[in-house]
Amino acid sequence: MTLYTNMPLELVLEGFNDEMENMQEIWSNGVKMQVMPVAPGMGKIVRLLECQLDDYLNPKFMPGNIIHYQ
């Protein structure tokens, strides 16, 4: 991979080696997604892992949305 930027390398790679926060993989409505827990039974969608192509266009599965799960 080649990255062309006028920013210092320290700024570009800042936080690259930091540990990710506690993430969970869950199934919701037939979609496997990665969520960051915000409360018991609730999580913020980080990304979709396994789904149909149409699910990427569904606004309820947008990253950043809060979902309820068991």
N, C-alpha and C. Protein backbone atom coordinates (compact mmCIF):
# COMPACT_ATOMS: atom_id res chain seq x y z
N MET A 1 0.84 -1.17 0.00
CA MET A 1 0.00 0.00 0.00
C MET A 1 0.89 1.23 0.00
N THR A 2 0.53 2.20 -0.78
CA THR A 2 1.26 3.46 -0.84
C THR A 2 0.33 4.56 -0.35
N LEU A 3 0.83 5.40 0.52
CA LEU A 3 0.04 6.50 1.07
C LEU A 3 0.76 7.80 0.76
N TYR A 4 0.11 8.65 -0.01
CA TYR A 4 0.67 9.96 -0.33
C TYR A 4 0.00 11.00 0.55
N THR A 5 0.76 11.68 1.38
CA THR A 5 0.21 12.69 2.26
C THR A 5 1.29 13.69 2.62
N ASN A 6 0.85 14.89 2.95
CA ASN A 6 1.80 15.90 3.40
C ASN A 6 1.83 15.99 4.93
N MET A 7 1.09 15.09 5.58
CA MET A 7 1.07 15.06 7.05
C MET A 7 2.26 14.26 7.56
N PRO A 8 2.77 14.60 8.74
CA PRO A 8 3.86 13.81 9.32
C PRO A 8 3.40 12.38 9.59
N LEU A 9 4.31 11.44 9.42
CA LEU A 9 3.99 10.03 9.60
C LEU A 9 3.48 9.74 11.01
N GLU A 10 3.97 10.47 12.01
CA GLU A 10 3.52 10.25 13.39
C GLU A 10 2.03 10.54 13.54
N LEU A 11 1.53 11.56 12.83
CA LEU A 11 0.10 11.87 12.89
C LEU A 11 -0.74 10.85 12.14
N VAL A 12 -0.24 10.39 11.02
CA VAL A 12 -0.99 9.42 10.22
C VAL A 12 -1.15 8.11 10.97
N LEU A 13 -0.09 7.67 11.62
CA LEU A 13 -0.11 6.37 12.30
C LEU A 13 -0.46 6.46 13.78
N GLU A 14 -0.87 7.62 14.25
CA GLU A 14 -1.22 7.79 15.66
C GLU A 14 -2.36 6.86 16.05
N GLY A 15 -2.15 6.07 17.08
CA GLY A 15 -3.16 5.15 17.58
C GLY A 15 -3.24 3.83 16.82
N PHE A 16 -2.35 3.60 15.88
CA PHE A 16 -2.40 2.39 15.07
C PHE A 16 -2.21 1.13 15.91
N ASN A 17 -1.33 1.18 16.90
CA ASN A 17 -1.05 0.01 17.72
C ASN A 17 -1.86 -0.04 19.01
N ASP A 18 -2.75 0.91 19.21
CA ASP A 18 -3.58 0.89 20.42
C ASP A 18 -4.55 -0.28 20.36
N GLU A 19 -4.89 -0.78 21.52
CA GLU A 19 -5.83 -1.89 21.60
C GLU A 19 -7.23 -1.39 21.25
N MET A 20 -7.97 -2.23 20.54
CA MET A 20 -9.36 -1.91 20.23
C MET A 20 -10.19 -2.06 21.50
N GLU A 21 -11.23 -1.26 21.58
CA GLU A 21 -12.13 -1.38 22.72
C GLU A 21 -12.88 -2.71 22.63
N ASN A 22 -13.57 -3.03 23.68
CA ASN A 22 -14.30 -4.29 23.77
C ASN A 22 -15.36 -4.36 22.66
N MET A 23 -15.14 -5.21 21.68
CA MET A 23 -16.09 -5.38 20.57
C MET A 23 -16.71 -6.76 20.66
N GLN A 24 -17.94 -6.87 20.19
CA GLN A 24 -18.64 -8.14 20.16
C GLN A 24 -19.20 -8.37 18.77
N GLU A 25 -19.26 -9.62 18.36
CA GLU A 25 -19.90 -10.00 17.11
C GLU A 25 -21.26 -10.60 17.45
N ILE A 26 -22.30 -10.04 16.86
CA ILE A 26 -23.66 -10.52 17.14
C ILE A 26 -24.41 -10.72 15.83
N TRP A 27 -25.50 -11.48 15.92
CA TRP A 27 -26.44 -11.64 14.81
C TRP A 27 -27.70 -10.86 15.16
N SER A 28 -28.17 -10.05 14.25
CA SER A 28 -29.42 -9.32 14.45
C SER A 28 -30.14 -9.23 13.11
N ASN A 29 -31.35 -9.71 13.06
CA ASN A 29 -32.16 -9.70 11.83
C ASN A 29 -31.44 -10.36 10.66
N GLY A 30 -30.72 -11.45 10.91
CA GLY A 30 -30.03 -12.17 9.86
C GLY A 30 -28.74 -11.52 9.39
N VAL A 31 -28.25 -10.54 10.14
CA VAL A 31 -27.02 -9.82 9.77
C VAL A 31 -26.01 -10.00 10.90
N LYS A 32 -24.82 -10.48 10.54
CA LYS A 32 -23.75 -10.57 11.53
C LYS A 32 -22.99 -9.25 11.51
N MET A 33 -22.85 -8.65 12.70
CA MET A 33 -22.22 -7.34 12.77
C MET A 33 -21.30 -7.26 13.98
N GLN A 34 -20.42 -6.31 13.94
CA GLN A 34 -19.52 -6.04 15.06
C GLN A 34 -20.07 -4.81 15.76
N VAL A 35 -20.28 -4.93 17.08
CA VAL A 35 -20.83 -3.81 17.85
C VAL A 35 -19.92 -3.51 19.03
N MET A 36 -20.00 -2.27 19.48
CA MET A 36 -19.31 -1.84 20.69
C MET A 36 -20.39 -1.65 21.75
N PRO A 37 -20.35 -2.46 22.81
CA PRO A 37 -21.38 -2.35 23.84
C PRO A 37 -21.39 -0.96 24.48
N VAL A 38 -22.59 -0.41 24.66
CA VAL A 38 -22.75 0.87 25.33
C VAL A 38 -23.55 0.72 26.62
N ALA A 39 -24.33 -0.34 26.71
CA ALA A 39 -25.12 -0.65 27.90
C ALA A 39 -25.50 -2.13 27.79
N PRO A 40 -25.95 -2.74 28.88
CA PRO A 40 -26.37 -4.15 28.78
C PRO A 40 -27.48 -4.33 27.74
N GLY A 41 -27.23 -5.17 26.74
CA GLY A 41 -28.22 -5.43 25.71
C GLY A 41 -28.29 -4.39 24.62
N MET A 42 -27.40 -3.41 24.63
CA MET A 42 -27.38 -2.36 23.61
C MET A 42 -25.96 -2.19 23.10
N GLY A 43 -25.83 -1.88 21.81
CA GLY A 43 -24.51 -1.67 21.25
C GLY A 43 -24.56 -0.74 20.05
N LYS A 44 -23.43 -0.12 19.78
CA LYS A 44 -23.29 0.77 18.63
C LYS A 44 -22.66 -0.04 17.50
N ILE A 45 -23.27 -0.01 16.33
CA ILE A 45 -22.77 -0.77 15.19
C ILE A 45 -21.44 -0.19 14.73
N VAL A 46 -20.44 -1.06 14.60
CA VAL A 46 -19.13 -0.66 14.10
C VAL A 46 -19.02 -1.00 12.62
N ARG A 47 -19.37 -2.25 12.27
CA ARG A 47 -19.33 -2.66 10.87
C ARG A 47 -20.15 -3.92 10.68
N LEU A 48 -20.55 -4.16 9.44
CA LEU A 48 -21.28 -5.37 9.08
C LEU A 48 -20.28 -6.42 8.63
N LEU A 49 -20.46 -7.65 9.11
CA LEU A 49 -19.52 -8.72 8.78
C LEU A 49 -20.09 -9.70 7.75
N GLU A 50 -21.33 -10.14 7.93
CA GLU A 50 -21.97 -11.07 7.00
C GLU A 50 -23.39 -10.60 6.77
N CYS A 51 -23.70 -10.26 5.52
CA CYS A 51 -25.05 -9.80 5.21
C CYS A 51 -25.26 -9.83 3.70
N GLN A 52 -26.49 -9.60 3.29
CA GLN A 52 -26.81 -9.46 1.88
C GLN A 52 -26.35 -8.07 1.42
N LEU A 53 -26.17 -7.91 0.13
CA LEU A 53 -25.72 -6.62 -0.39
C LEU A 53 -26.71 -5.50 -0.10
N ASP A 54 -28.00 -5.82 -0.13
CA ASP A 54 -29.02 -4.80 0.13
C ASP A 54 -28.95 -4.28 1.57
N ASP A 55 -28.42 -5.07 2.49
CA ASP A 55 -28.35 -4.63 3.88
C ASP A 55 -27.41 -3.45 4.07
N TYR A 56 -26.43 -3.29 3.18
CA TYR A 56 -25.53 -2.15 3.28
C TYR A 56 -26.27 -0.83 3.02
N LEU A 57 -27.39 -0.90 2.30
CA LEU A 57 -28.18 0.30 2.01
C LEU A 57 -29.28 0.54 3.03
N ASN A 58 -29.47 -0.38 3.95
CA ASN A 58 -30.53 -0.26 4.95
C ASN A 58 -30.09 0.72 6.04
N PRO A 59 -30.83 1.82 6.25
CA PRO A 59 -30.41 2.82 7.23
C PRO A 59 -30.34 2.30 8.67
N LYS A 60 -31.07 1.25 9.00
CA LYS A 60 -31.02 0.76 10.38
C LYS A 60 -29.74 0.01 10.69
N PHE A 61 -28.95 -0.35 9.66
CA PHE A 61 -27.68 -1.03 9.86
C PHE A 61 -26.48 -0.11 9.65
N MET A 62 -26.71 1.19 9.62
CA MET A 62 -25.60 2.12 9.41
C MET A 62 -24.67 2.11 10.62
N PRO A 63 -23.35 2.16 10.38
CA PRO A 63 -22.41 2.27 11.51
C PRO A 63 -22.72 3.50 12.35
N GLY A 64 -22.68 3.31 13.66
CA GLY A 64 -23.00 4.39 14.58
C GLY A 64 -24.40 4.28 15.17
N ASN A 65 -25.28 3.52 14.53
CA ASN A 65 -26.62 3.32 15.06
C ASN A 65 -26.57 2.44 16.30
N ILE A 66 -27.47 2.69 17.22
CA ILE A 66 -27.58 1.88 18.43
C ILE A 66 -28.64 0.81 18.18
N ILE A 67 -28.29 -0.45 18.50
CA ILE A 67 -29.25 -1.54 18.34
C ILE A 67 -29.40 -2.27 19.67
N HIS A 68 -30.53 -2.95 19.81
CA HIS A 68 -30.81 -3.78 20.98
C HIS A 68 -30.56 -5.22 20.60
N TYR A 69 -29.91 -5.97 21.46
CA TYR A 69 -29.65 -7.39 21.23
C TYR A 69 -29.71 -8.13 22.53
N GLN A 70 -29.79 -9.45 22.45
CA GLN A 70 -29.85 -10.27 23.66
C GLN A 70 -28.54 -10.97 23.86
